[in-house]
C-alpha atoms as a PDB file:
ATOM      1  CA  MET A   1     -87.469 176.718 207.555  1.00  0.00           C
ATOM      2  CA  LYS A   2     -89.727 175.199 210.196  1.00  0.00           C
ATOM      3  CA  LYS A   3     -89.116 171.761 208.691  1.00  0.00           C
ATOM      4  CA  ILE A   4     -85.364 172.173 209.074  1.00  0.00           C
ATOM      5  CA  GLU A   5     -85.765 173.290 212.707  1.00  0.00           C
ATOM      6  CA  ILE A   6     -87.873 170.220 213.490  1.00  0.00           C
ATOM      7  CA  ILE A   7     -85.255 167.927 211.906  1.00  0.00           C
ATOM      8  CA  MET A   8     -82.497 169.588 213.980  1.00  0.00           C
ATOM      9  CA  LEU A   9     -84.569 169.249 217.147  1.00  0.00           C
ATOM     10  CA  ILE A  10     -85.122 165.524 216.487  1.00  0.00           C
ATOM     11  CA  SER A  11     -81.396 165.052 215.876  1.00  0.00           C
ATOM     12  CA  LEU A  12     -80.469 166.824 219.132  1.00  0.00           C
ATOM     13  CA  LEU A  13     -82.972 164.721 221.082  1.00  0.00           C
ATOM     14  CA  ALA A  14     -81.555 161.530 219.564  1.00  0.00           C
ATOM     15  CA  LEU A  15     -77.995 162.601 220.483  1.00  0.00           C
ATOM     16  CA  PHE A  16     -79.047 163.438 224.076  1.00  0.00           C
ATOM     17  CA  SER A  17     -80.802 160.075 224.341  1.00  0.00           C
ATOM     18  CA  CYS A  18     -77.646 158.210 223.267  1.00  0.00           C
ATOM     19  CA  LYS A  19     -75.503 160.085 225.789  1.00  0.00           C
ATOM     20  CA  LYS A  20     -77.995 159.390 228.568  1.00  0.00           C
ATOM     21  CA  GLU A  21     -78.014 155.666 227.825  1.00  0.00           C
ATOM     22  CA  ASN A  22     -74.231 155.521 227.938  1.00  0.00           C
ATOM     23  CA  THR A  23     -74.150 156.724 231.579  1.00  0.00           C
ATOM     24  CA  GLY A  24     -75.946 153.676 232.848  1.00  0.00           C
ATOM     25  CA  THR A  25     -76.302 149.958 232.280  1.00  0.00           C
ATOM     26  CA  SER A  26     -78.928 147.651 230.869  1.00  0.00           C
ATOM     27  CA  SER A  27     -80.270 147.148 234.359  1.00  0.00           C
ATOM     28  CA  GLY A  28     -80.966 150.891 234.737  1.00  0.00           C
ATOM     29  CA  ALA A  29     -78.020 151.546 237.072  1.00  0.00           C
ATOM     30  CA  SER A  30     -75.859 154.577 236.559  1.00  0.00           C
ATOM     31  CA  THR A  31     -72.375 155.431 237.801  1.00  0.00           C
ATOM     32  CA  SER A  32     -70.282 158.481 238.489  1.00  0.00           C
ATOM     33  CA  THR A  33     -66.789 158.965 239.821  1.00  0.00           C
ATOM     34  CA  MET A  34     -66.398 160.527 243.250  1.00  0.00           C
ATOM     35  CA  ASN A  35     -63.673 161.789 245.552  1.00  0.00           C
ATOM     36  CA  VAL A  36     -62.208 159.161 247.815  1.00  0.00           C
ATOM     37  CA  SER A  37     -62.466 161.636 250.697  1.00  0.00           C
ATOM     38  CA  ASP A  38     -66.254 161.616 250.281  1.00  0.00           C
ATOM     39  CA  LEU A  39     -66.626 157.892 250.907  1.00  0.00           C
ATOM     40  CA  PRO A  40     -68.541 156.977 254.092  1.00  0.00           C
ATOM     41  CA  ALA A  41     -66.330 156.378 257.080  1.00  0.00           C
ATOM     42  CA  THR A  42     -67.672 152.839 257.431  1.00  0.00           C
ATOM     43  CA  ILE A  43     -66.141 151.960 254.005  1.00  0.00           C
ATOM     44  CA  THR A  44     -62.722 153.540 254.632  1.00  0.00           C
ATOM     45  CA  THR A  45     -62.546 151.937 258.062  1.00  0.00           C
ATOM     46  CA  TYR A  46     -63.497 148.543 256.643  1.00  0.00           C
ATOM     47  CA  ILE A  47     -60.794 148.734 253.986  1.00  0.00           C
ATOM     48  CA  SER A  48     -58.222 149.988 256.463  1.00  0.00           C
ATOM     49  CA  ASN A  49     -58.895 147.110 258.808  1.00  0.00           C
ATOM     50  CA  ASN A  50     -59.196 144.367 256.197  1.00  0.00           C
ATOM     51  CA  TYR A  51     -56.803 145.501 253.477  1.00  0.00           C
ATOM     52  CA  PRO A  52     -54.078 147.319 255.442  1.00  0.00           C
ATOM     53  CA  ASP A  53     -51.503 146.477 252.790  1.00  0.00           C
ATOM     54  CA  ALA A  54     -53.422 148.538 250.212  1.00  0.00           C
ATOM     55  CA  THR A  55     -54.739 152.084 249.840  1.00  0.00           C
ATOM     56  CA  ILE A  56     -57.866 153.372 248.124  1.00  0.00           C
ATOM     57  CA  TYR A  57     -57.060 154.431 244.569  1.00  0.00           C
ATOM     58  CA  SER A  58     -60.499 155.496 243.240  1.00  0.00           C
ATOM     59  CA  ALA A  59     -64.200 155.307 244.021  1.00  0.00           C
ATOM     60  CA  THR A  60     -67.413 155.151 242.011  1.00  0.00           C
ATOM     61  CA  LYS A  61     -70.917 156.074 243.153  1.00  0.00           C
ATOM     62  CA  VAL A  62     -73.661 153.766 241.831  1.00  0.00           C
ATOM     63  CA  SER A  63     -77.402 154.543 241.585  1.00  0.00           C
ATOM     64  CA  ASN A  64     -80.240 152.084 241.114  1.00  0.00           C
ATOM     65  CA  SER A  65     -78.155 149.077 242.052  1.00  0.00           C
ATOM     66  CA  THR A  66     -77.610 146.738 245.021  1.00  0.00           C
ATOM     67  CA  ALA A  67     -74.142 148.274 245.256  1.00  0.00           C
ATOM     68  CA  SER A  68     -73.979 151.941 246.106  1.00  0.00           C
ATOM     69  CA  TYR A  69     -70.173 152.214 245.920  1.00  0.00           C
ATOM     70  CA  VAL A  70     -67.440 150.422 244.045  1.00  0.00           C
ATOM     71  CA  VAL A  71     -63.932 151.058 245.357  1.00  0.00           C
ATOM     72  CA  THR A  72     -60.682 150.278 243.550  1.00  0.00           C
ATOM     73  CA  LEU A  73     -57.607 149.611 245.694  1.00  0.00           C
ATOM     74  CA  SER A  74     -53.983 150.369 244.888  1.00  0.00           C
ATOM     75  CA  THR A  75     -53.586 146.622 244.219  1.00  0.00           C
ATOM     76  CA  GLU A  76     -56.335 146.909 241.536  1.00  0.00           C
ATOM     77  CA  GLU A  77     -58.683 144.797 243.604  1.00  0.00           C
ATOM     78  CA  GLN A  78     -62.240 146.080 243.617  1.00  0.00           C
ATOM     79  CA  LEU A  79     -64.819 145.938 246.418  1.00  0.00           C
ATOM     80  CA  ALA A  80     -68.539 146.778 246.325  1.00  0.00           C
ATOM     81  CA  PHE A  81     -70.495 148.308 249.244  1.00  0.00           C
ATOM     82  CA  ASP A  82     -74.178 148.965 249.865  1.00  0.00           C
ATOM     83  CA  GLY A  83     -75.580 152.319 250.944  1.00  0.00           C
ATOM     84  CA  HIS A  84     -74.874 151.565 254.616  1.00  0.00           C
ATOM     85  CA  GLY A  85     -71.218 150.830 253.938  1.00  0.00           C
ATOM     86  CA  ASN A  86     -71.530 147.025 254.259  1.00  0.00           C
ATOM     87  CA  CYS A  87     -69.106 145.125 252.037  1.00  0.00           C
ATOM     88  CA  LEU A  88     -70.887 143.070 249.348  1.00  0.00           C
ATOM     89  CA  GLY A  89     -67.721 141.384 248.105  1.00  0.00           C
ATOM     90  CA  ASP A  90     -65.911 141.614 244.784  1.00  0.00           C
ATOM     91  CA  GLY A  91     -66.911 144.785 242.916  1.00  0.00           C
ATOM     92  CA  GLY A  92     -66.267 143.409 239.432  1.00  0.00           C
ATOM     93  CA  GLY A  93     -69.792 142.078 238.999  1.00  0.00           C
ATOM     94  CA  PHE A  94     -71.458 145.423 239.794  1.00  0.00           C
ATOM     95  CA  PRO A  95     -71.966 148.608 237.674  1.00  0.00           C
ATOM     96  CA  GLY A  96     -68.822 150.654 237.942  1.00  0.00           C
ATOM     97  CA  GLY A  97     -66.658 147.574 238.538  1.00  0.00           C
ATOM     98  CA  GLY A  98     -63.814 147.181 236.082  1.00  0.00           C
ATOM     99  CA  TYR A  99     -63.420 143.442 235.981  1.00  0.00           C
ATOM    100  CA  PRO A 100     -64.199 141.821 232.617  1.00  0.00           C
ATOM    101  CA  ASP A 101     -66.253 138.652 232.510  1.00  0.00           C
ATOM    102  CA  GLY A 102     -63.115 136.703 231.763  1.00  0.00           C
ATOM    103  CA  ASP A 103     -59.898 137.653 233.489  1.00  0.00           C
ATOM    104  CA  THR A 104     -56.898 137.788 231.190  1.00  0.00           C
ATOM    105  CA  LEU A 105     -53.189 137.558 231.765  1.00  0.00           C
ATOM    106  CA  HIS A 106     -52.888 141.216 230.918  1.00  0.00           C
ATOM    107  CA  HIS A 107     -55.540 142.691 233.195  1.00  0.00           C
ATOM    108  CA  GLY A 108     -53.178 144.805 235.266  1.00  0.00           C
ATOM    109  CA  HIS A 109     -52.745 148.386 234.127  1.00  0.00           C
ATOM    110  CA  GLY A 110     -49.363 149.220 235.519  1.00  0.00           C
ATOM    111  CA  HIS A 111     -48.752 152.148 233.179  1.00  0.00           C
ATOM    112  CA  PRO A 112     -46.834 154.729 235.215  1.00  0.00           C
ATOM    113  CA  GLY A 113     -47.967 158.253 234.528  1.00  0.00           C
ATOM    114  CA  HIS A 114     -51.154 160.253 234.620  1.00  0.00           C
ATOM    115  CA  GLY A 115     -53.997 158.354 236.238  1.00  0.00           C
ATOM    116  CA  CYS A 116     -51.987 155.497 237.691  1.00  0.00           C
ATOM    117  CA  PRO A 117     -49.681 155.234 240.670  1.00  0.00           C
ATOM    118  CA  GLY A 118     -46.119 155.655 239.540  1.00  0.00           C
ATOM    119  CA  ASN A 119     -44.928 152.390 241.115  1.00  0.00           C
ATOM    120  CA  TRP A 120     -47.303 150.222 239.037  1.00  0.00           C
ATOM    121  CA  ILE A 121     -45.622 147.961 236.465  1.00  0.00           C
ATOM    122  CA  ASN A 122     -47.145 147.091 233.144  1.00  0.00           C
ATOM    123  CA  ILE A 123     -47.566 143.312 233.213  1.00  0.00           C
ATOM    124  CA  ASP A 124     -46.157 143.082 229.695  1.00  0.00           C
ATOM    125  CA  SER A 125     -43.009 144.808 231.073  1.00  0.00           C
ATOM    126  CA  LEU A 126     -42.393 142.348 233.875  1.00  0.00           C
ATOM    127  CA  PRO A 127     -38.972 140.776 233.647  1.00  0.00           C
ATOM    128  CA  GLY A 128     -39.012 137.456 231.763  1.00  0.00           C
ATOM    129  CA  ALA A 129     -37.527 135.596 234.705  1.00  0.00           C
ATOM    130  CA  ILE A 130     -40.465 136.549 236.917  1.00  0.00           C
ATOM    131  CA  LYS A 131     -43.088 135.551 234.341  1.00  0.00           C
ATOM    132  CA  THR A 132     -41.261 132.247 233.737  1.00  0.00           C
ATOM    133  CA  PHE A 133     -41.151 131.544 237.486  1.00  0.00           C
ATOM    134  CA  ILE A 134     -44.909 132.201 237.819  1.00  0.00           C
ATOM    135  CA  THR A 135     -45.799 130.062 234.779  1.00  0.00           C
ATOM    136  CA  ALA A 136     -43.708 127.171 236.083  1.00  0.00           C
ATOM    137  CA  ASN A 137     -44.781 127.278 239.723  1.00  0.00           C
ATOM    138  CA  TYR A 138     -48.329 128.665 239.546  1.00  0.00           C
ATOM    139  CA  PRO A 139     -49.705 127.391 236.205  1.00  0.00           C
ATOM    140  CA  ASP A 140     -53.308 127.753 237.352  1.00  0.00           C
ATOM    141  CA  TYR A 141     -52.901 131.399 238.276  1.00  0.00           C
ATOM    142  CA  GLN A 142     -53.054 134.597 236.214  1.00  0.00           C
ATOM    143  CA  ILE A 143     -51.026 137.732 236.790  1.00  0.00           C
ATOM    144  CA  TRP A 144     -53.339 140.427 238.070  1.00  0.00           C
ATOM    145  CA  HIS A 145     -51.205 143.332 239.194  1.00  0.00           C
ATOM    146  CA  ALA A 146     -47.532 144.245 239.633  1.00  0.00           C
ATOM    147  CA  GLU A 147     -45.789 147.065 241.389  1.00  0.00           C
ATOM    148  CA  LYS A 148     -42.524 148.209 242.884  1.00  0.00           C
ATOM    149  CA  ASP A 149     -42.444 148.353 246.642  1.00  0.00           C
ATOM    150  CA  SER A 150     -40.083 148.484 249.597  1.00  0.00           C
ATOM    151  CA  ILE A 151     -40.778 146.203 252.569  1.00  0.00           C
ATOM    152  CA  CYS A 152     -38.817 145.156 255.596  1.00  0.00           C
ATOM    153  CA  PRO A 153     -36.625 143.226 255.834  1.00  0.00           C
ATOM    154  CA  ALA A 154     -36.237 142.593 252.090  1.00  0.00           C
ATOM    155  CA  GLY A 155     -35.933 146.238 250.969  1.00  0.00           C
ATOM    156  CA  PRO A 156     -36.863 147.114 247.341  1.00  0.00           C
ATOM    157  CA  VAL A 157     -39.023 144.404 245.745  1.00  0.00           C
ATOM    158  CA  ILE A 158     -41.323 143.695 242.859  1.00  0.00           C
ATOM    159  CA  SER A 159     -44.694 142.616 244.204  1.00  0.00           C
ATOM    160  CA  VAL A 160     -46.889 140.579 241.818  1.00  0.00           C
ATOM    161  CA  MET A 161     -50.499 139.763 242.658  1.00  0.00           C
ATOM    162  CA  ILE A 162     -51.760 136.525 241.081  1.00  0.00           C
ATOM    163  CA  ARG A 163     -55.267 135.137 240.981  1.00  0.00           C
ATOM    164  CA  LYS A 164     -56.639 131.640 240.412  1.00  0.00           C
ATOM    165  CA  ALA A 165     -59.824 131.152 238.395  1.00  0.00           C
ATOM    166  CA  GLY A 166     -62.824 131.682 240.623  1.00  0.00           C
ATOM    167  CA  MET A 167     -60.738 133.383 243.290  1.00  0.00           C
ATOM    168  CA  ARG A 168     -61.685 136.841 244.480  1.00  0.00           C
ATOM    169  CA  PRO A 169     -60.349 139.305 247.046  1.00  0.00           C
ATOM    170  CA  PRO A 170     -59.067 138.829 249.677  1.00  0.00           C
ATOM    171  CA  GLU A 171     -57.880 135.343 248.562  1.00  0.00           C
ATOM    172  CA  ASP A 172     -55.421 136.701 245.986  1.00  0.00           C
ATOM    173  CA  MET A 173     -51.812 135.729 246.476  1.00  0.00           C
ATOM    174  CA  LYS A 174     -48.792 138.041 246.294  1.00  0.00           C
ATOM    175  CA  LEU A 175     -45.341 136.991 245.165  1.00  0.00           C
ATOM    176  CA  PHE A 176     -42.305 139.064 246.053  1.00  0.00           C
ATOM    177  CA  PHE A 177     -39.064 139.203 244.030  1.00  0.00           C
ATOM    178  CA  ASP A 178     -35.814 141.012 244.721  1.00  0.00           C
ATOM    179  CA  GLN A 179     -34.030 143.401 242.365  1.00  0.00           C
ATOM    180  CA  ALA A 180     -32.272 140.463 240.684  1.00  0.00           C
ATOM    181  CA  ASN A 181     -35.748 139.001 239.910  1.00  0.00           C
ATOM    182  CA  SER A 182     -35.147 136.138 242.360  1.00  0.00           C
ATOM    183  CA  PHE A 183     -38.161 134.836 244.265  1.00  0.00           C
ATOM    184  CA  LEU A 184     -38.284 135.865 247.951  1.00  0.00           C
ATOM    185  CA  MET A 185     -41.613 134.813 249.378  1.00  0.00           C
ATOM    186  CA  THR A 186     -45.379 134.582 248.988  1.00  0.00           C
ATOM    187  CA  GLY A 187     -47.882 136.712 250.863  1.00  0.00           C
ATOM    188  CA  GLN A 188     -51.395 135.602 251.743  1.00  0.00           C
ATOM    189  CA  ARG A 189     -53.931 137.656 253.686  1.00  0.00           C
ATOM    190  CA  ILE A 190     -55.196 136.031 256.891  1.00  0.00           C
ATOM    191  CA  ARG A 191     -57.066 137.175 259.993  1.00  0.00           C
ATOM    192  CA  PHE A 192     -55.084 138.216 263.028  1.00  0.00           C
ATOM    193  CA  THR A 193     -57.148 135.727 265.028  1.00  0.00           C
ATOM    194  CA  ASP A 194     -55.773 132.906 262.853  1.00  0.00           C
ATOM    195  CA  MET A 195     -52.140 133.686 263.610  1.00  0.00           C
ATOM    196  CA  PRO A 196     -49.978 131.549 265.953  1.00  0.00           C
ATOM    197  CA  GLN A 197     -50.544 132.345 269.613  1.00  0.00           C
ATOM    198  CA  ALA A 198     -46.929 133.396 270.067  1.00  0.00           C
ATOM    199  CA  VAL A 199     -47.414 136.138 267.447  1.00  0.00           C
ATOM    200  CA  LYS A 200     -50.621 137.375 269.081  1.00  0.00           C
ATOM    201  CA  ASP A 201     -49.002 137.354 272.470  1.00  0.00           C
ATOM    202  CA  TYR A 202     -46.069 139.463 271.275  1.00  0.00           C
ATOM    203  CA  ILE A 203     -48.404 142.057 269.725  1.00  0.00           C
ATOM    204  CA  THR A 204     -50.557 142.202 272.823  1.00  0.00           C
ATOM    205  CA  SER A 205     -47.560 142.569 275.145  1.00  0.00           C
ATOM    206  CA  ASN A 206     -45.714 145.174 273.092  1.00  0.00           C
ATOM    207  CA  PHE A 207     -48.432 147.088 271.238  1.00  0.00           C
ATOM    208  CA  GLY A 208     -51.441 146.488 273.441  1.00  0.00           C
ATOM    209  CA  THR A 209     -52.756 150.077 273.277  1.00  0.00           C
ATOM    210  CA  MET A 210     -52.515 150.454 269.505  1.00  0.00           C
ATOM    211  CA  HIS A 211     -55.330 149.794 267.091  1.00  0.00           C
ATOM    212  CA  ARG A 212     -54.806 146.367 265.448  1.00  0.00           C
ATOM    213  CA  CYS A 213     -56.057 145.709 261.914  1.00  0.00           C
ATOM    214  CA  ASP A 214     -58.045 142.515 261.379  1.00  0.00           C
ATOM    215  CA  GLY A 215     -56.198 141.889 258.103  1.00  0.00           C
ATOM    216  CA  SER A 216     -52.697 140.430 258.423  1.00  0.00           C
ATOM    217  CA  GLU A 217     -50.320 138.544 256.142  1.00  0.00           C
ATOM    218  CA  LYS A 218     -48.764 135.085 256.208  1.00  0.00           C
ATOM    219  CA  LEU A 219     -45.352 135.235 254.516  1.00  0.00           C
ATOM    220  CA  THR A 220     -43.891 131.943 253.247  1.00  0.00           C
ATOM    221  CA  LEU A 221     -40.237 132.462 252.446  1.00  0.00           C
ATOM    222  CA  ALA A 222     -38.235 130.748 249.743  1.00  0.00           C
ATOM    223  CA  ASP A 223     -36.657 128.398 252.304  1.00  0.00           C
ATOM    224  CA  ALA A 224     -40.198 127.394 253.481  1.00  0.00           C
ATOM    225  CA  SER A 225     -39.930 129.250 256.769  1.00  0.00           C
ATOM    226  CA  VAL A 226     -42.948 131.356 257.750  1.00  0.00           C
ATOM    227  CA  ASP A 227     -43.205 134.894 259.012  1.00  0.00           C
ATOM    228  CA  TYR A 228     -46.283 136.991 259.792  1.00  0.00           C
ATOM    229  CA  ALA A 229     -46.941 140.662 259.104  1.00  0.00           C
ATOM    230  CA  VAL A 230     -49.261 142.556 261.473  1.00  0.00           C
ATOM    231  CA  TYR A 231     -50.592 146.048 260.776  1.00  0.00           C
ATOM    232  CA  LEU A 232     -51.156 148.512 263.588  1.00  0.00           C
ATOM    233  CA  GLY A 233     -52.518 152.048 263.773  1.00  0.00           C
ATOM    234  CA  PRO A 234     -55.810 153.925 263.392  1.00  0.00           C
ATOM    235  CA  PRO A 235     -57.611 153.883 259.996  1.00  0.00           C
ATOM    236  CA  GLU A 236     -56.891 157.555 259.291  1.00  0.00           C
ATOM    237  CA  ARG A 237     -53.110 157.097 259.499  1.00  0.00           C
ATOM    238  CA  ARG A 238     -50.474 155.064 257.713  1.00  0.00           C
ATOM    239  CA  HIS A 239     -50.177 151.646 259.343  1.00  0.00           C
ATOM    240  CA  LYS A 240     -47.120 150.361 261.189  1.00  0.00           C
ATOM    241  CA  ARG A 241     -46.052 146.987 259.779  1.00  0.00           C
ATOM    242  CA  ILE A 242     -44.642 144.469 262.267  1.00  0.00           C
ATOM    243  CA  VAL A 243     -43.038 141.304 260.930  1.00  0.00           C
ATOM    244  CA  LEU A 244     -42.588 138.319 263.269  1.00  0.00           C
ATOM    245  CA  THR A 245     -41.475 134.712 263.061  1.00  0.00           C
ATOM    246  CA  GLU A 246     -43.881 131.855 263.882  1.00  0.00           C
ATOM    247  CA  SER A 247     -42.374 131.685 267.362  1.00  0.00           C
ATOM    248  CA  GLY A 248     -43.135 135.369 267.999  1.00  0.00           C
ATOM    249  CA  THR A 249     -39.593 136.745 267.486  1.00  0.00           C
ATOM    250  CA  LEU A 250     -39.511 140.271 266.040  1.00  0.00           C
ATOM    251  CA  VAL A 251     -38.009 140.412 262.537  1.00  0.00           C
ATOM    252  CA  CYS A 252     -38.513 144.075 261.739  1.00  0.00           C
ATOM    253  CA  GLU A 253     -40.810 147.096 262.038  1.00  0.00           C
ATOM    254  CA  GLN A 254     -41.774 149.396 259.220  1.00  0.00           C
END
């Protein structure tokens, strides 16, 4: 009887050991999911200011690693932060990051339902016309994420994030298509300080007292004209999106 008890004890210890190893990585780091609301304010403020076109989807706490937090955005981009809330860059290379070593055409989840925002689109389900357009015009890029959105002045759109090999946030490019799957424009993140002076002057004159996000967007339309999207408002609230022409003429507010 004692022999059987010893065997059972050894088996239980072995099982516990396996489970314990699965919670970490070969480097000794371990991860656990956490509530987005529990993230340090320095992290949420950084994301709000630099990625105003995205929201925080999920967060992971990391122990025994250079990165203390890995945050996934609604665009499926991931960012790593240290214990002081300083951004370390792309979160895919850290424990808790979801990027595989080799990006694939079908990385994006996009499965509406439990666990994913309902406006995500499975990349395999993207209309053929959109995938054909991307293959023909951006052969060096991979589709990373797709979702349904509504932006001024275009209205309902399909937004597709594409990524070139070696490219990491925030250098990803977004392509926008209308409901007929026709190409509308590209969107690239830029700093507000890099915008045309006319755009900056308009924002200063008309929204001088509002908090301005550092992250903005350069929108290159299908006819090659260029607009700029500026995001305003405090980090804890939904941002106001202002779209202007290169010459500083207001296109729309959202």
